[in-house]
Amino acid sequence: MGRKKLQQQIHQLDQQLAVDVGLLKLQARERMVAIRRVPTLWWVAGGMGAGLIAGRLTSAQSTVSLATRGLSLFRLVSVALSGQLNHEA
């Protein structure tokens, strides 16, 4: 391959990367807006519920530990579901 052709390929890949990064940033902003719309009480209740479902209640040392583990799981599931809903639209 010639040098010019390689430079063109690099330029095309660089442009595609810039587009992909822009899309990722847009998706991140949309997710943050969606997360901010959910009331805090729902996050706490959902986190505790997720903690209970995951069976963390028996192994949790405190309610705070249960809530933080549950919130992590709840957030993971909510992000996964919002991504799935975005792909269907």
N, C-alpha and C. Protein backbone atom coordinates (compact mmCIF):
# COMPACT_ATOMS: atom_id res chain seq x y z
N MET A 1 0.83 -1.19 0.00
CA MET A 1 0.00 0.00 0.00
C MET A 1 0.87 1.24 0.00
N GLY A 2 0.38 2.23 -0.71
CA GLY A 2 1.12 3.48 -0.76
C GLY A 2 0.91 4.32 0.49
N ARG A 3 1.81 5.22 0.67
CA ARG A 3 1.77 6.09 1.85
C ARG A 3 0.49 6.94 1.86
N LYS A 4 0.11 7.48 0.69
CA LYS A 4 -1.08 8.32 0.61
C LYS A 4 -2.33 7.52 0.96
N LYS A 5 -2.41 6.29 0.50
CA LYS A 5 -3.57 5.45 0.79
C LYS A 5 -3.66 5.17 2.30
N LEU A 6 -2.54 4.89 2.91
CA LEU A 6 -2.51 4.66 4.35
C LEU A 6 -2.94 5.91 5.11
N GLN A 7 -2.48 7.07 4.66
CA GLN A 7 -2.87 8.32 5.31
C GLN A 7 -4.38 8.56 5.17
N GLN A 8 -4.93 8.23 4.01
CA GLN A 8 -6.37 8.38 3.80
C GLN A 8 -7.15 7.44 4.73
N GLN A 9 -6.67 6.23 4.88
CA GLN A 9 -7.33 5.28 5.77
C GLN A 9 -7.28 5.76 7.22
N ILE A 10 -6.13 6.28 7.61
CA ILE A 10 -5.99 6.80 8.97
C ILE A 10 -6.95 7.97 9.17
N HIS A 11 -7.04 8.84 8.19
CA HIS A 11 -7.94 9.99 8.29
C HIS A 11 -9.40 9.53 8.38
N GLN A 12 -9.79 8.54 7.59
CA GLN A 12 -11.16 8.02 7.64
C GLN A 12 -11.44 7.39 9.01
N LEU A 13 -10.50 6.60 9.51
CA LEU A 13 -10.68 5.99 10.83
C LEU A 13 -10.76 7.04 11.92
N ASP A 14 -9.97 8.09 11.79
CA ASP A 14 -10.00 9.17 12.76
C ASP A 14 -11.36 9.87 12.75
N GLN A 15 -11.91 10.10 11.57
CA GLN A 15 -13.22 10.72 11.46
C GLN A 15 -14.30 9.80 12.05
N GLN A 16 -14.22 8.52 11.77
CA GLN A 16 -15.20 7.58 12.31
C GLN A 16 -15.11 7.53 13.84
N LEU A 17 -13.90 7.56 14.36
CA LEU A 17 -13.71 7.58 15.81
C LEU A 17 -14.33 8.83 16.43
N ALA A 18 -14.14 9.96 15.78
CA ALA A 18 -14.72 11.22 16.28
C ALA A 18 -16.25 11.14 16.30
N VAL A 19 -16.84 10.56 15.27
CA VAL A 19 -18.30 10.39 15.22
C VAL A 19 -18.76 9.46 16.34
N ASP A 20 -18.06 8.35 16.53
CA ASP A 20 -18.43 7.39 17.58
C ASP A 20 -18.32 8.01 18.97
N VAL A 21 -17.26 8.77 19.21
CA VAL A 21 -17.09 9.43 20.51
C VAL A 21 -18.21 10.44 20.74
N GLY A 22 -18.58 11.17 19.70
CA GLY A 22 -19.68 12.12 19.80
C GLY A 22 -20.99 11.43 20.14
N LEU A 23 -21.26 10.29 19.51
CA LEU A 23 -22.47 9.53 19.81
C LEU A 23 -22.47 9.00 21.23
N LEU A 24 -21.33 8.53 21.69
CA LEU A 24 -21.23 8.04 23.07
C LEU A 24 -21.49 9.15 24.08
N LYS A 25 -20.96 10.33 23.81
CA LYS A 25 -21.19 11.46 24.71
C LYS A 25 -22.66 11.84 24.73
N LEU A 26 -23.31 11.83 23.56
CA LEU A 26 -24.73 12.14 23.49
C LEU A 26 -25.56 11.12 24.26
N GLN A 27 -25.23 9.85 24.09
CA GLN A 27 -25.94 8.80 24.81
C GLN A 27 -25.74 8.93 26.32
N ALA A 28 -24.54 9.29 26.74
CA ALA A 28 -24.27 9.46 28.16
C ALA A 28 -25.10 10.61 28.72
N ARG A 29 -25.19 11.71 27.98
CA ARG A 29 -26.01 12.84 28.43
C ARG A 29 -27.48 12.44 28.53
N GLU A 30 -27.98 11.68 27.54
CA GLU A 30 -29.37 11.23 27.57
C GLU A 30 -29.63 10.32 28.76
N ARG A 31 -28.70 9.45 29.06
CA ARG A 31 -28.86 8.55 30.22
C ARG A 31 -28.87 9.34 31.52
N MET A 32 -28.00 10.34 31.63
CA MET A 32 -27.97 11.14 32.85
C MET A 32 -29.27 11.90 33.03
N VAL A 33 -29.84 12.42 31.95
CA VAL A 33 -31.13 13.10 32.04
C VAL A 33 -32.20 12.12 32.50
N ALA A 34 -32.19 10.91 31.94
CA ALA A 34 -33.18 9.90 32.33
C ALA A 34 -33.00 9.51 33.79
N ILE A 35 -31.77 9.39 34.25
CA ILE A 35 -31.51 9.02 35.64
C ILE A 35 -31.96 10.14 36.58
N ARG A 36 -31.74 11.39 36.18
CA ARG A 36 -32.14 12.52 37.03
C ARG A 36 -33.65 12.65 37.14
N ARG A 37 -34.38 12.14 36.17
CA ARG A 37 -35.84 12.21 36.22
C ARG A 37 -36.44 11.28 37.27
N VAL A 38 -35.71 10.25 37.65
CA VAL A 38 -36.21 9.28 38.63
C VAL A 38 -36.09 9.88 40.02
N PRO A 39 -37.21 9.94 40.78
CA PRO A 39 -37.14 10.49 42.14
C PRO A 39 -36.21 9.67 43.04
N THR A 40 -35.60 10.36 43.99
CA THR A 40 -34.64 9.73 44.90
C THR A 40 -35.26 8.57 45.67
N LEU A 41 -36.51 8.74 46.08
CA LEU A 41 -37.18 7.68 46.83
C LEU A 41 -37.26 6.39 46.01
N TRP A 42 -37.48 6.52 44.71
CA TRP A 42 -37.52 5.32 43.85
C TRP A 42 -36.16 4.64 43.80
N TRP A 43 -35.08 5.45 43.77
CA TRP A 43 -33.74 4.86 43.75
C TRP A 43 -33.48 4.08 45.03
N VAL A 44 -33.85 4.69 46.16
CA VAL A 44 -33.62 4.03 47.44
C VAL A 44 -34.45 2.76 47.54
N ALA A 45 -35.74 2.88 47.21
CA ALA A 45 -36.61 1.70 47.28
C ALA A 45 -36.18 0.63 46.28
N GLY A 46 -35.85 1.06 45.08
CA GLY A 46 -35.39 0.10 44.08
C GLY A 46 -34.08 -0.57 44.47
N GLY A 47 -33.20 0.22 45.08
CA GLY A 47 -31.92 -0.34 45.53
C GLY A 47 -32.10 -1.36 46.63
N MET A 48 -32.96 -1.04 47.58
CA MET A 48 -33.20 -2.00 48.65
C MET A 48 -33.90 -3.25 48.12
N GLY A 49 -34.84 -3.02 47.22
CA GLY A 49 -35.53 -4.17 46.61
C GLY A 49 -34.57 -5.05 45.83
N ALA A 50 -33.69 -4.42 45.07
CA ALA A 50 -32.71 -5.19 44.32
C ALA A 50 -31.76 -5.93 45.25
N GLY A 51 -31.42 -5.29 46.37
CA GLY A 51 -30.56 -5.95 47.36
C GLY A 51 -31.24 -7.16 47.95
N LEU A 52 -32.53 -7.04 48.23
CA LEU A 52 -33.27 -8.17 48.77
C LEU A 52 -33.38 -9.29 47.74
N ILE A 53 -33.68 -8.93 46.52
CA ILE A 53 -33.81 -9.94 45.47
C ILE A 53 -32.49 -10.67 45.25
N ALA A 54 -31.40 -9.94 45.32
CA ALA A 54 -30.09 -10.55 45.10
C ALA A 54 -29.65 -11.41 46.28
N GLY A 55 -30.43 -11.41 47.35
CA GLY A 55 -30.10 -12.23 48.50
C GLY A 55 -29.00 -11.65 49.36
N ARG A 56 -28.83 -10.34 49.29
CA ARG A 56 -27.76 -9.69 50.04
C ARG A 56 -28.17 -9.40 51.48
N LEU A 57 -29.44 -9.52 51.81
CA LEU A 57 -29.90 -9.16 53.14
C LEU A 57 -29.21 -9.98 54.22
N THR A 58 -29.04 -11.26 53.98
CA THR A 58 -28.44 -12.11 54.99
C THR A 58 -26.94 -11.87 55.13
N SER A 59 -26.28 -11.47 54.04
CA SER A 59 -24.84 -11.27 54.12
C SER A 59 -24.47 -9.82 54.40
N ALA A 60 -25.44 -8.92 54.38
CA ALA A 60 -25.14 -7.50 54.61
C ALA A 60 -24.90 -7.25 56.09
N GLN A 61 -23.90 -6.44 56.37
CA GLN A 61 -23.57 -6.09 57.75
C GLN A 61 -24.50 -5.01 58.28
N SER A 62 -25.00 -4.17 57.40
CA SER A 62 -25.86 -3.08 57.84
C SER A 62 -26.83 -2.73 56.72
N THR A 63 -27.78 -1.88 57.04
CA THR A 63 -28.73 -1.41 56.05
C THR A 63 -28.04 -0.60 54.97
N VAL A 64 -27.03 0.16 55.36
CA VAL A 64 -26.30 0.97 54.39
C VAL A 64 -25.60 0.07 53.38
N SER A 65 -24.99 -1.01 53.85
CA SER A 65 -24.34 -1.95 52.95
C SER A 65 -25.35 -2.57 52.00
N LEU A 66 -26.50 -2.93 52.53
CA LEU A 66 -27.57 -3.50 51.70
C LEU A 66 -28.00 -2.50 50.64
N ALA A 67 -28.21 -1.26 51.04
CA ALA A 67 -28.68 -0.24 50.11
C ALA A 67 -27.65 0.04 49.02
N THR A 68 -26.37 0.13 49.38
CA THR A 68 -25.35 0.44 48.38
C THR A 68 -25.19 -0.71 47.38
N ARG A 69 -25.22 -1.92 47.87
CA ARG A 69 -25.14 -3.06 46.95
C ARG A 69 -26.36 -3.13 46.06
N GLY A 70 -27.52 -2.89 46.66
CA GLY A 70 -28.75 -2.92 45.89
C GLY A 70 -28.81 -1.80 44.87
N LEU A 71 -28.37 -0.60 45.25
CA LEU A 71 -28.37 0.51 44.31
C LEU A 71 -27.45 0.24 43.12
N SER A 72 -26.33 -0.40 43.38
CA SER A 72 -25.42 -0.75 42.29
C SER A 72 -26.11 -1.70 41.31
N LEU A 73 -26.75 -2.70 41.84
CA LEU A 73 -27.46 -3.66 41.00
C LEU A 73 -28.63 -3.00 40.29
N PHE A 74 -29.39 -2.17 41.01
CA PHE A 74 -30.55 -1.49 40.43
C PHE A 74 -30.12 -0.57 39.30
N ARG A 75 -29.02 0.17 39.49
CA ARG A 75 -28.53 1.08 38.46
C ARG A 75 -28.06 0.30 37.23
N LEU A 76 -27.38 -0.79 37.46
CA LEU A 76 -26.91 -1.62 36.35
C LEU A 76 -28.08 -2.12 35.52
N VAL A 77 -29.12 -2.61 36.19
CA VAL A 77 -30.29 -3.12 35.48
C VAL A 77 -31.02 -1.99 34.76
N SER A 78 -31.16 -0.84 35.41
CA SER A 78 -31.87 0.27 34.78
C SER A 78 -31.13 0.78 33.55
N VAL A 79 -29.81 0.84 33.61
CA VAL A 79 -29.04 1.27 32.45
C VAL A 79 -29.16 0.25 31.32
N ALA A 80 -29.12 -1.02 31.67
CA ALA A 80 -29.25 -2.06 30.65
C ALA A 80 -30.63 -2.00 30.00
N LEU A 81 -31.65 -1.81 30.80
CA LEU A 81 -33.00 -1.74 30.25
C LEU A 81 -33.20 -0.48 29.42
N SER A 82 -32.64 0.65 29.85
CA SER A 82 -32.81 1.87 29.06
C SER A 82 -32.07 1.74 27.73
N GLY A 83 -30.94 1.06 27.73
CA GLY A 83 -30.23 0.82 26.48
C GLY A 83 -31.03 -0.09 25.56
N GLN A 84 -31.70 -1.07 26.12
CA GLN A 84 -32.51 -1.98 25.33
C GLN A 84 -33.71 -1.24 24.76
N LEU A 85 -34.32 -0.37 25.55
CA LEU A 85 -35.47 0.41 25.08
C LEU A 85 -35.04 1.38 23.99
N ASN A 86 -33.86 1.97 24.10
CA ASN A 86 -33.37 2.90 23.07
C ASN A 86 -33.14 2.19 21.75
N HIS A 87 -32.70 0.92 21.79
CA HIS A 87 -32.45 0.18 20.55
C HIS A 87 -33.75 -0.20 19.87
N GLU A 88 -34.83 -0.40 20.63
CA GLU A 88 -36.10 -0.78 20.06
C GLU A 88 -36.78 0.40 19.39
N ALA A 89 -36.51 1.61 19.86
CA ALA A 89 -37.19 2.80 19.32
C ALA A 89 -36.68 3.18 17.97
